[in-house]
Amino acid sequence: MIAYEEVRVPVAGGELAVLRWPAREPGAPVVLALHGITANALSWGPVARLLDGRVTLVAPDLRGRAGSSSLPGPYGIAAHADDVAAVAAALGTGRVVLAGHSMGAFVAALAAVRHPERFGPLLLVDGGIGFPAPTHLAPDELMTAVIGPAMDRLSMTFPDRAAYRSFWRAHPAFADAWSDEVDAYIQRDLTGEEPALRSTCRIEAVRTDGIGLFDEEVLTAVRKLPVPATLLWAQRGLMGEEQGLYDESRLAAADLGGTRVTPVAVRGVNHYTVLTGDAGGKEIARRLLDLAGA
């Protein structure tokens, strides 16, 4: 895992924890990268390594997670979008390339719409294209449908870090894709003291954000983008299952023809390993370098 620094950026209600992997050369392009709904900034660690210092990569722990877990609400996709704009402003480098994975892709799309002066082209990684919520589901049922077992983890405790590692290594999505970088990413999620370690993710933040993915403003953001966007979609799903979040038929139903989004399939990866594995990470890094002109 390559070295990074952690800085704090003022936002509404406090400070956001932000990780920064600096470029080798001063004045190199900057990429701002956003994590998923129960993740943290270190999920971008493998991509940072693969970028190999050719750009500066900046990734915040979003409000209510990891180093930013103490930040109060209001939560929601719009709140994250405004936080991300504050990070971009603090960079002082003009418009930056914006990337997001899973929920982070929805945040990226909305941030680009709400703050067009801050962001250049977008890279959406297995997220950002939404569908209307099933009307028969209660909010908590909707959350289970969106993120499944990940929600259950937030109320669990673990006796030590090894137990948390074992929990994640048994996850189908990581069965054949474990690494020291993945371990560092999941360990950043832990807080508390043994024998009652728990996730840093605030349940109320995750619930608010998950339900907020179905807000009209969020669902329509990709249709209002002021800049081009590439969607890299994973072939397999959150549990490594054959059906991913997207496929050709679902994207056809989303009718992206009139948008500025170009979908690109990434084969042989699932929703997690499209970001944390080498195959997906190399594709993301290549696209980011192209978008940044590096």
C-alpha atoms as a PDB file:
ATOM      1  CA  MET A   1       0.000   0.000   0.000  1.00  0.00           C
ATOM      2  CA  ILE A   2       1.460   3.360  -0.993  1.00  0.00           C
ATOM      3  CA  ALA A   3       1.756   6.255   1.430  1.00  0.00           C
ATOM      4  CA  TYR A   4      -0.941   8.867   1.828  1.00  0.00           C
ATOM      5  CA  GLU A   5      -1.561  11.823   4.089  1.00  0.00           C
ATOM      6  CA  GLU A   6      -4.761  12.621   5.981  1.00  0.00           C
ATOM      7  CA  VAL A   7      -6.007  16.205   6.145  1.00  0.00           C
ATOM      8  CA  ARG A   8      -9.140  17.894   7.460  1.00  0.00           C
ATOM      9  CA  VAL A   9     -11.388  20.098   5.328  1.00  0.00           C
ATOM     10  CA  PRO A  10     -13.987  22.434   6.899  1.00  0.00           C
ATOM     11  CA  VAL A  11     -17.582  21.643   5.923  1.00  0.00           C
ATOM     12  CA  ALA A  12     -20.972  22.429   7.450  1.00  0.00           C
ATOM     13  CA  GLY A  13     -20.976  21.213  11.057  1.00  0.00           C
ATOM     14  CA  GLY A  14     -17.269  20.382  11.383  1.00  0.00           C
ATOM     15  CA  GLU A  15     -14.429  18.901   9.360  1.00  0.00           C
ATOM     16  CA  LEU A  16     -14.269  16.137   6.752  1.00  0.00           C
ATOM     17  CA  ALA A  17     -11.395  13.643   6.884  1.00  0.00           C
ATOM     18  CA  VAL A  18      -9.694  13.524   3.481  1.00  0.00           C
ATOM     19  CA  LEU A  19      -6.942  11.184   2.261  1.00  0.00           C
ATOM     20  CA  ARG A  20      -4.435  12.474  -0.288  1.00  0.00           C
ATOM     21  CA  TRP A  21      -2.039  10.464  -2.430  1.00  0.00           C
ATOM     22  CA  PRO A  22       0.261  13.127  -3.924  1.00  0.00           C
ATOM     23  CA  ALA A  23       1.556  13.083  -7.476  1.00  0.00           C
ATOM     24  CA  ARG A  24       5.285  12.851  -8.108  1.00  0.00           C
ATOM     25  CA  GLU A  25       5.342  16.151 -10.006  1.00  0.00           C
ATOM     26  CA  PRO A  26       4.050  19.534  -8.786  1.00  0.00           C
ATOM     27  CA  GLY A  27       1.141  20.806 -10.833  1.00  0.00           C
ATOM     28  CA  ALA A  28      -0.059  17.339 -11.836  1.00  0.00           C
ATOM     29  CA  PRO A  29      -3.809  16.934 -12.425  1.00  0.00           C
ATOM     30  CA  VAL A  30      -6.082  16.195  -9.464  1.00  0.00           C
ATOM     31  CA  VAL A  31      -8.741  13.488  -9.228  1.00  0.00           C
ATOM     32  CA  LEU A  32     -11.363  13.570  -6.468  1.00  0.00           C
ATOM     33  CA  ALA A  33     -12.760  10.103  -5.671  1.00  0.00           C
ATOM     34  CA  LEU A  34     -15.846   9.122  -3.644  1.00  0.00           C
ATOM     35  CA  HIS A  35     -16.580   5.824  -1.893  1.00  0.00           C
ATOM     36  CA  GLY A  36     -19.740   3.741  -1.474  1.00  0.00           C
ATOM     37  CA  ILE A  37     -22.487   3.794   1.119  1.00  0.00           C
ATOM     38  CA  THR A  38     -20.790   1.772   3.902  1.00  0.00           C
ATOM     39  CA  ALA A  39     -17.212   2.185   2.680  1.00  0.00           C
ATOM     40  CA  ASN A  40     -14.451   4.720   3.336  1.00  0.00           C
ATOM     41  CA  ALA A  41     -11.720   6.587   1.477  1.00  0.00           C
ATOM     42  CA  LEU A  42      -9.230   3.693   1.620  1.00  0.00           C
ATOM     43  CA  SER A  43     -11.399   1.711  -0.795  1.00  0.00           C
ATOM     44  CA  TRP A  44      -9.537   3.812  -3.405  1.00  0.00           C
ATOM     45  CA  GLY A  45      -6.134   2.602  -2.184  1.00  0.00           C
ATOM     46  CA  PRO A  46      -5.626   0.034  -4.987  1.00  0.00           C
ATOM     47  CA  VAL A  47      -6.456   2.653  -7.627  1.00  0.00           C
ATOM     48  CA  ALA A  48      -4.038   5.079  -5.978  1.00  0.00           C
ATOM     49  CA  ARG A  49      -1.260   2.500  -6.343  1.00  0.00           C
ATOM     50  CA  LEU A  50      -2.133   1.859  -9.975  1.00  0.00           C
ATOM     51  CA  LEU A  51      -2.181   5.583 -10.774  1.00  0.00           C
ATOM     52  CA  ASP A  52       1.497   5.459  -9.787  1.00  0.00           C
ATOM     53  CA  GLY A  53       1.885   9.116  -8.854  1.00  0.00           C
ATOM     54  CA  ARG A  54       0.848  10.433 -12.261  1.00  0.00           C
ATOM     55  CA  VAL A  55      -2.010  12.418 -10.694  1.00  0.00           C
ATOM     56  CA  THR A  56      -2.857  13.519  -7.166  1.00  0.00           C
ATOM     57  CA  LEU A  57      -5.730  11.400  -5.870  1.00  0.00           C
ATOM     58  CA  VAL A  58      -7.917  12.876  -3.136  1.00  0.00           C
ATOM     59  CA  ALA A  59     -10.603  10.803  -1.399  1.00  0.00           C
ATOM     60  CA  PRO A  60     -12.772  11.941   1.522  1.00  0.00           C
ATOM     61  CA  ASP A  61     -14.395   9.805   4.176  1.00  0.00           C
ATOM     62  CA  LEU A  62     -17.948  10.910   3.497  1.00  0.00           C
ATOM     63  CA  ARG A  63     -20.026  12.377   6.319  1.00  0.00           C
ATOM     64  CA  GLY A  64     -20.934   9.707   8.888  1.00  0.00           C
ATOM     65  CA  ARG A  65     -18.117   7.270   7.978  1.00  0.00           C
ATOM     66  CA  ALA A  66     -14.595   6.461   9.262  1.00  0.00           C
ATOM     67  CA  GLY A  67     -12.651   9.661   9.974  1.00  0.00           C
ATOM     68  CA  SER A  68     -15.767  11.745   9.291  1.00  0.00           C
ATOM     69  CA  SER A  69     -18.116   9.651  11.455  1.00  0.00           C
ATOM     70  CA  SER A  70     -18.497  12.372  14.078  1.00  0.00           C
ATOM     71  CA  LEU A  71     -19.911  14.878  11.594  1.00  0.00           C
ATOM     72  CA  PRO A  72     -23.599  15.498  12.331  1.00  0.00           C
ATOM     73  CA  GLY A  73     -26.473  15.464   9.867  1.00  0.00           C
ATOM     74  CA  PRO A  74     -28.278  16.408   7.853  1.00  0.00           C
ATOM     75  CA  TYR A  75     -27.153  13.455   5.766  1.00  0.00           C
ATOM     76  CA  GLY A  76     -28.268  12.592   2.251  1.00  0.00           C
ATOM     77  CA  ILE A  77     -26.846  12.645  -1.263  1.00  0.00           C
ATOM     78  CA  ALA A  78     -27.226  16.416  -1.585  1.00  0.00           C
ATOM     79  CA  ALA A  79     -25.333  16.983   1.677  1.00  0.00           C
ATOM     80  CA  HIS A  80     -22.478  14.811   0.410  1.00  0.00           C
ATOM     81  CA  ALA A  81     -22.483  16.669  -2.920  1.00  0.00           C
ATOM     82  CA  ASP A  82     -22.063  19.979  -1.120  1.00  0.00           C
ATOM     83  CA  ASP A  83     -19.308  18.521   1.110  1.00  0.00           C
ATOM     84  CA  VAL A  84     -17.476  17.307  -1.998  1.00  0.00           C
ATOM     85  CA  ALA A  85     -17.722  20.770  -3.551  1.00  0.00           C
ATOM     86  CA  ALA A  86     -16.135  22.173  -0.373  1.00  0.00           C
ATOM     87  CA  VAL A  87     -13.265  19.689  -0.753  1.00  0.00           C
ATOM     88  CA  ALA A  88     -12.810  20.688  -4.403  1.00  0.00           C
ATOM     89  CA  ALA A  89     -12.745  24.375  -3.415  1.00  0.00           C
ATOM     90  CA  ALA A  90     -10.153  23.666  -0.705  1.00  0.00           C
ATOM     91  CA  LEU A  91      -7.877  22.046  -3.286  1.00  0.00           C
ATOM     92  CA  GLY A  92      -7.552  25.402  -5.027  1.00  0.00           C
ATOM     93  CA  THR A  93      -6.733  23.795  -8.377  1.00  0.00           C
ATOM     94  CA  GLY A  94      -9.731  24.763 -10.496  1.00  0.00           C
ATOM     95  CA  ARG A  95     -12.041  22.125 -11.942  1.00  0.00           C
ATOM     96  CA  VAL A  96     -11.057  18.539 -11.099  1.00  0.00           C
ATOM     97  CA  VAL A  97     -11.911  15.121 -12.479  1.00  0.00           C
ATOM     98  CA  LEU A  98     -14.570  13.552 -10.248  1.00  0.00           C
ATOM     99  CA  ALA A  99     -14.991   9.801  -9.732  1.00  0.00           C
ATOM    100  CA  GLY A 100     -17.409   7.843  -7.581  1.00  0.00           C
ATOM    101  CA  HIS A 101     -18.066   4.191  -6.780  1.00  0.00           C
ATOM    102  CA  SER A 102     -21.561   2.877  -5.979  1.00  0.00           C
ATOM    103  CA  MET A 103     -23.324   5.549  -3.870  1.00  0.00           C
ATOM    104  CA  GLY A 104     -20.306   7.761  -4.524  1.00  0.00           C
ATOM    105  CA  ALA A 105     -21.222   7.749  -8.216  1.00  0.00           C
ATOM    106  CA  PHE A 106     -24.652   9.198  -7.383  1.00  0.00           C
ATOM    107  CA  VAL A 107     -22.966  11.825  -5.216  1.00  0.00           C
ATOM    108  CA  ALA A 108     -20.568  12.640  -8.066  1.00  0.00           C
ATOM    109  CA  ALA A 109     -23.373  13.110 -10.581  1.00  0.00           C
ATOM    110  CA  LEU A 110     -25.349  15.368  -8.252  1.00  0.00           C
ATOM    111  CA  ALA A 111     -22.243  17.350  -7.273  1.00  0.00           C
ATOM    112  CA  ALA A 112     -21.512  18.006 -10.953  1.00  0.00           C
ATOM    113  CA  VAL A 113     -25.050  19.304 -11.453  1.00  0.00           C
ATOM    114  CA  ARG A 114     -25.152  21.421  -8.292  1.00  0.00           C
ATOM    115  CA  HIS A 115     -21.586  22.766  -8.589  1.00  0.00           C
ATOM    116  CA  PRO A 116     -20.624  22.756 -12.289  1.00  0.00           C
ATOM    117  CA  GLU A 117     -17.823  25.276 -11.720  1.00  0.00           C
ATOM    118  CA  ARG A 118     -15.911  22.769  -9.547  1.00  0.00           C
ATOM    119  CA  PHE A 119     -15.801  19.618 -11.670  1.00  0.00           C
ATOM    120  CA  GLY A 120     -14.606  18.403 -15.039  1.00  0.00           C
ATOM    121  CA  PRO A 121     -15.430  15.010 -16.589  1.00  0.00           C
ATOM    122  CA  LEU A 122     -16.891  12.221 -14.445  1.00  0.00           C
ATOM    123  CA  LEU A 123     -16.095   8.557 -13.974  1.00  0.00           C
ATOM    124  CA  LEU A 124     -19.036   6.632 -12.499  1.00  0.00           C
ATOM    125  CA  VAL A 125     -18.087   3.180 -11.206  1.00  0.00           C
ATOM    126  CA  ASP A 126     -20.997   0.749 -10.858  1.00  0.00           C
ATOM    127  CA  GLY A 127     -23.381   3.451  -9.730  1.00  0.00           C
ATOM    128  CA  GLY A 128     -24.982   6.757 -10.624  1.00  0.00           C
ATOM    129  CA  ILE A 129     -27.774   5.348 -12.794  1.00  0.00           C
ATOM    130  CA  GLY A 130     -30.812   4.804 -10.603  1.00  0.00           C
ATOM    131  CA  PHE A 131     -34.270   3.333 -10.962  1.00  0.00           C
ATOM    132  CA  PRO A 132     -37.526   4.329  -9.218  1.00  0.00           C
ATOM    133  CA  ALA A 133     -38.108   2.696  -5.838  1.00  0.00           C
ATOM    134  CA  PRO A 134     -40.617  -0.173  -5.611  1.00  0.00           C
ATOM    135  CA  THR A 135     -43.688   1.448  -4.104  1.00  0.00           C
ATOM    136  CA  HIS A 136     -44.662  -1.602  -2.006  1.00  0.00           C
ATOM    137  CA  LEU A 137     -41.523  -1.538   0.183  1.00  0.00           C
ATOM    138  CA  ALA A 138     -41.206   0.200   3.546  1.00  0.00           C
ATOM    139  CA  PRO A 139     -38.036   2.305   4.027  1.00  0.00           C
ATOM    140  CA  ASP A 140     -36.112  -0.395   5.940  1.00  0.00           C
ATOM    141  CA  GLU A 141     -37.181  -3.045   3.418  1.00  0.00           C
ATOM    142  CA  LEU A 142     -35.928  -0.723   0.701  1.00  0.00           C
ATOM    143  CA  MET A 143     -32.576  -0.444   2.469  1.00  0.00           C
ATOM    144  CA  THR A 144     -32.263  -4.236   2.625  1.00  0.00           C
ATOM    145  CA  ALA A 145     -32.999  -4.399  -1.090  1.00  0.00           C
ATOM    146  CA  VAL A 146     -30.346  -1.758  -1.813  1.00  0.00           C
ATOM    147  CA  ILE A 147     -27.385  -2.958   0.260  1.00  0.00           C
ATOM    148  CA  GLY A 148     -28.467  -6.299   1.734  1.00  0.00           C
ATOM    149  CA  PRO A 149     -26.257  -7.734   4.492  1.00  0.00           C
ATOM    150  CA  ALA A 150     -24.103  -4.599   4.643  1.00  0.00           C
ATOM    151  CA  MET A 151     -26.824  -2.931   6.718  1.00  0.00           C
ATOM    152  CA  ASP A 152     -26.800  -5.783   9.258  1.00  0.00           C
ATOM    153  CA  ARG A 153     -23.057  -5.351   9.791  1.00  0.00           C
ATOM    154  CA  LEU A 154     -23.541  -1.843  11.155  1.00  0.00           C
ATOM    155  CA  SER A 155     -25.236  -3.109  14.325  1.00  0.00           C
ATOM    156  CA  MET A 156     -22.771  -5.958  14.940  1.00  0.00           C
ATOM    157  CA  THR A 157     -19.776  -5.982  17.298  1.00  0.00           C
ATOM    158  CA  PHE A 158     -16.499  -7.856  16.879  1.00  0.00           C
ATOM    159  CA  PRO A 159     -14.125  -9.065  19.616  1.00  0.00           C
ATOM    160  CA  ASP A 160     -10.985  -8.030  17.742  1.00  0.00           C
ATOM    161  CA  ARG A 161      -9.655  -6.947  14.357  1.00  0.00           C
ATOM    162  CA  ALA A 162      -8.953 -10.499  13.314  1.00  0.00           C
ATOM    163  CA  ALA A 163     -12.644 -11.334  13.728  1.00  0.00           C
ATOM    164  CA  TYR A 164     -13.604  -8.426  11.487  1.00  0.00           C
ATOM    165  CA  ARG A 165     -11.069  -9.580   8.917  1.00  0.00           C
ATOM    166  CA  SER A 166     -12.552 -13.089   9.019  1.00  0.00           C
ATOM    167  CA  PHE A 167     -16.053 -11.657   8.596  1.00  0.00           C
ATOM    168  CA  TRP A 168     -15.040  -9.897   5.408  1.00  0.00           C
ATOM    169  CA  ARG A 169     -12.848 -12.687   4.035  1.00  0.00           C
ATOM    170  CA  ALA A 170     -15.928 -14.926   4.117  1.00  0.00           C
ATOM    171  CA  HIS A 171     -17.852 -12.440   1.970  1.00  0.00           C
ATOM    172  CA  PRO A 172     -18.488 -14.000  -1.471  1.00  0.00           C
ATOM    173  CA  ALA A 173     -17.355 -10.883  -3.282  1.00  0.00           C
ATOM    174  CA  PHE A 174     -13.878 -11.115  -1.708  1.00  0.00           C
ATOM    175  CA  ALA A 175     -13.492 -14.901  -1.702  1.00  0.00           C
ATOM    176  CA  ASP A 176     -10.735 -14.869  -4.323  1.00  0.00           C
ATOM    177  CA  ALA A 177      -9.760 -11.222  -4.163  1.00  0.00           C
ATOM    178  CA  TRP A 178      -8.256 -10.501  -0.743  1.00  0.00           C
ATOM    179  CA  SER A 179      -5.196  -8.261  -0.422  1.00  0.00           C
ATOM    180  CA  ASP A 180      -3.349  -6.142   2.124  1.00  0.00           C
ATOM    181  CA  GLU A 181      -5.018  -3.102   0.547  1.00  0.00           C
ATOM    182  CA  VAL A 182      -8.489  -4.555   1.065  1.00  0.00           C
ATOM    183  CA  ASP A 183      -7.539  -5.386   4.641  1.00  0.00           C
ATOM    184  CA  ALA A 184      -6.402  -1.804   5.308  1.00  0.00           C
ATOM    185  CA  TYR A 185      -9.642  -0.495   3.803  1.00  0.00           C
ATOM    186  CA  ILE A 186     -11.918  -2.662   5.952  1.00  0.00           C
ATOM    187  CA  GLN A 187      -9.856  -2.081   9.105  1.00  0.00           C
ATOM    188  CA  ARG A 188     -10.299   1.693   8.679  1.00  0.00           C
ATOM    189  CA  ASP A 189     -13.996   1.059   9.242  1.00  0.00           C
ATOM    190  CA  LEU A 190     -13.528  -0.161  12.830  1.00  0.00           C
ATOM    191  CA  THR A 191     -13.900   1.909  15.993  1.00  0.00           C
ATOM    192  CA  GLY A 192     -14.319   1.272  19.710  1.00  0.00           C
ATOM    193  CA  GLU A 193     -12.417  -1.023  22.047  1.00  0.00           C
ATOM    194  CA  GLU A 194     -12.022  -4.794  22.207  1.00  0.00           C
ATOM    195  CA  PRO A 195     -14.061  -6.900  22.720  1.00  0.00           C
ATOM    196  CA  ALA A 196     -16.756  -4.650  21.237  1.00  0.00           C
ATOM    197  CA  LEU A 197     -15.345  -3.179  18.028  1.00  0.00           C
ATOM    198  CA  ARG A 198     -17.941  -1.902  15.578  1.00  0.00           C
ATOM    199  CA  SER A 199     -18.291  -0.141  12.247  1.00  0.00           C
ATOM    200  CA  THR A 200     -17.720   3.607  12.173  1.00  0.00           C
ATOM    201  CA  CYS A 201     -20.674   4.020   9.809  1.00  0.00           C
ATOM    202  CA  ARG A 202     -23.544   5.811  11.482  1.00  0.00           C
ATOM    203  CA  ILE A 203     -26.713   3.851  10.871  1.00  0.00           C
ATOM    204  CA  GLU A 204     -28.848   6.983  10.536  1.00  0.00           C
ATOM    205  CA  ALA A 205     -26.481   8.319   7.866  1.00  0.00           C
ATOM    206  CA  VAL A 206     -26.551   5.078   5.872  1.00  0.00           C
ATOM    207  CA  ARG A 207     -30.342   4.823   6.126  1.00  0.00           C
ATOM    208  CA  THR A 208     -30.866   8.439   5.055  1.00  0.00           C
ATOM    209  CA  ASP A 209     -28.410   8.131   2.184  1.00  0.00           C
ATOM    210  CA  GLY A 210     -29.832   4.821   0.987  1.00  0.00           C
ATOM    211  CA  ILE A 211     -33.391   6.076   0.861  1.00  0.00           C
ATOM    212  CA  GLY A 212     -32.104   9.300  -0.706  1.00  0.00           C
ATOM    213  CA  LEU A 213     -30.820   7.382  -3.718  1.00  0.00           C
ATOM    214  CA  PHE A 214     -34.425   7.349  -4.907  1.00  0.00           C
ATOM    215  CA  ASP A 215     -34.985  11.114  -4.612  1.00  0.00           C
ATOM    216  CA  GLU A 216     -36.055  12.732  -7.859  1.00  0.00           C
ATOM    217  CA  GLU A 217     -33.105  15.151  -7.811  1.00  0.00           C
ATOM    218  CA  VAL A 218     -30.691  12.235  -7.477  1.00  0.00           C
ATOM    219  CA  LEU A 219     -32.344  10.007 -10.065  1.00  0.00           C
ATOM    220  CA  THR A 220     -32.398  12.774 -12.687  1.00  0.00           C
ATOM    221  CA  ALA A 221     -28.857  14.098 -12.096  1.00  0.00           C
ATOM    222  CA  VAL A 222     -27.300  11.963 -14.866  1.00  0.00           C
ATOM    223  CA  ARG A 223     -29.744  13.522 -17.324  1.00  0.00           C
ATOM    224  CA  LYS A 224     -28.596  17.038 -16.438  1.00  0.00           C
ATOM    225  CA  LEU A 225     -24.828  16.580 -16.393  1.00  0.00           C
ATOM    226  CA  PRO A 226     -22.899  19.636 -17.629  1.00  0.00           C
ATOM    227  CA  VAL A 227     -19.908  17.413 -18.486  1.00  0.00           C
ATOM    228  CA  PRO A 228     -19.387  14.011 -20.142  1.00  0.00           C
ATOM    229  CA  ALA A 229     -19.409  10.908 -17.941  1.00  0.00           C
ATOM    230  CA  THR A 230     -18.221   7.330 -18.375  1.00  0.00           C
ATOM    231  CA  LEU A 231     -20.039   4.559 -16.511  1.00  0.00           C
ATOM    232  CA  LEU A 232     -17.886   1.504 -15.790  1.00  0.00           C
ATOM    233  CA  TRP A 233     -20.321  -1.234 -14.799  1.00  0.00           C
ATOM    234  CA  ALA A 234     -19.329  -4.505 -13.162  1.00  0.00           C
ATOM    235  CA  GLN A 235     -20.426  -7.804 -14.655  1.00  0.00           C
ATOM    236  CA  ARG A 236     -21.269  -9.318 -11.248  1.00  0.00           C
ATOM    237  CA  GLY A 237     -23.192  -8.110  -8.201  1.00  0.00           C
ATOM    238  CA  LEU A 238     -22.665  -7.193  -4.534  1.00  0.00           C
ATOM    239  CA  MET A 239     -22.445 -10.813  -3.399  1.00  0.00           C
ATOM    240  CA  GLY A 240     -20.443 -11.930  -6.420  1.00  0.00           C
ATOM    241  CA  GLU A 241     -23.626 -13.198  -8.076  1.00  0.00           C
ATOM    242  CA  GLU A 242     -23.912 -13.390 -11.861  1.00  0.00           C
ATOM    243  CA  GLN A 243     -26.510 -10.599 -12.028  1.00  0.00           C
ATOM    244  CA  GLY A 244     -24.823  -7.251 -11.521  1.00  0.00           C
ATOM    245  CA  LEU A 245     -26.446  -3.950 -10.661  1.00  0.00           C
ATOM    246  CA  TYR A 246     -26.412  -3.188 -14.387  1.00  0.00           C
ATOM    247  CA  ASP A 247     -26.513  -5.166 -17.594  1.00  0.00           C
ATOM    248  CA  GLU A 248     -27.354  -4.373 -21.198  1.00  0.00           C
ATOM    249  CA  SER A 249     -31.102  -4.741 -20.698  1.00  0.00           C
ATOM    250  CA  ARG A 250     -31.213  -2.595 -17.549  1.00  0.00           C
ATOM    251  CA  LEU A 251     -29.149   0.115 -19.183  1.00  0.00           C
ATOM    252  CA  ALA A 252     -31.406  -0.013 -22.219  1.00  0.00           C
ATOM    253  CA  ALA A 253     -34.392   0.466 -19.908  1.00  0.00           C
ATOM    254  CA  ALA A 254     -32.629   3.450 -18.331  1.00  0.00           C
ATOM    255  CA  ASP A 255     -32.611   5.070 -21.800  1.00  0.00           C
ATOM    256  CA  LEU A 256     -29.274   6.873 -21.616  1.00  0.00           C
ATOM    257  CA  GLY A 257     -29.355   7.840 -25.273  1.00  0.00           C
ATOM    258  CA  GLY A 258     -30.133  11.482 -24.575  1.00  0.00           C
ATOM    259  CA  THR A 259     -27.577  11.830 -21.806  1.00  0.00           C
ATOM    260  CA  ARG A 260     -23.830  12.505 -21.703  1.00  0.00           C
ATOM    261  CA  VAL A 261     -23.156   9.073 -20.149  1.00  0.00           C
ATOM    262  CA  THR A 262     -21.197   6.389 -22.007  1.00  0.00           C
ATOM    263  CA  PRO A 263     -21.586   2.902 -20.444  1.00  0.00           C
ATOM    264  CA  VAL A 264     -18.627   0.495 -20.574  1.00  0.00           C
ATOM    265  CA  ALA A 265     -18.747  -3.086 -19.247  1.00  0.00           C
ATOM    266  CA  VAL A 266     -15.934  -4.404 -17.039  1.00  0.00           C
ATOM    267  CA  ARG A 267     -15.936  -8.190 -17.290  1.00  0.00           C
ATOM    268  CA  GLY A 268     -14.838 -10.654 -14.637  1.00  0.00           C
ATOM    269  CA  VAL A 269     -15.332  -8.318 -11.658  1.00  0.00           C
ATOM    270  CA  ASN A 270     -18.063  -7.785  -9.077  1.00  0.00           C
ATOM    271  CA  HIS A 271     -19.436  -4.646  -7.453  1.00  0.00           C
ATOM    272  CA  TYR A 272     -16.525  -4.495  -4.976  1.00  0.00           C
ATOM    273  CA  THR A 273     -13.600  -5.840  -6.981  1.00  0.00           C
ATOM    274  CA  VAL A 274     -14.267  -3.462  -9.851  1.00  0.00           C
ATOM    275  CA  LEU A 275     -12.652  -0.961  -7.441  1.00  0.00           C
ATOM    276  CA  THR A 276     -10.465  -3.017  -5.102  1.00  0.00           C
ATOM    277  CA  GLY A 277      -9.097  -5.672  -7.482  1.00  0.00           C
ATOM    278  CA  ASP A 278      -6.294  -5.223  -9.989  1.00  0.00           C
ATOM    279  CA  ALA A 279      -8.383  -5.924 -13.106  1.00  0.00           C
ATOM    280  CA  GLY A 280     -11.024  -3.336 -12.275  1.00  0.00           C
ATOM    281  CA  GLY A 281      -8.518  -0.959 -10.701  1.00  0.00           C
ATOM    282  CA  LYS A 282      -6.376  -0.917 -13.834  1.00  0.00           C
ATOM    283  CA  GLU A 283      -9.390  -0.012 -15.953  1.00  0.00           C
ATOM    284  CA  ILE A 284     -10.377   2.762 -13.536  1.00  0.00           C
ATOM    285  CA  ALA A 285      -6.811   4.106 -13.390  1.00  0.00           C
ATOM    286  CA  ARG A 286      -6.508   4.106 -17.178  1.00  0.00           C
ATOM    287  CA  ARG A 287      -9.774   5.992 -17.571  1.00  0.00           C
ATOM    288  CA  LEU A 288      -8.866   8.535 -14.890  1.00  0.00           C
ATOM    289  CA  LEU A 289      -5.505   9.232 -16.497  1.00  0.00           C
ATOM    290  CA  ASP A 290      -7.208   9.788 -19.837  1.00  0.00           C
ATOM    291  CA  LEU A 291      -9.820  12.109 -18.301  1.00  0.00           C
ATOM    292  CA  ALA A 292      -7.148  14.053 -16.410  1.00  0.00           C
ATOM    293  CA  GLY A 293      -4.927  14.346 -19.484  1.00  0.00           C
ATOM    294  CA  ALA A 294      -2.041  12.767 -17.578  1.00  0.00           C
END
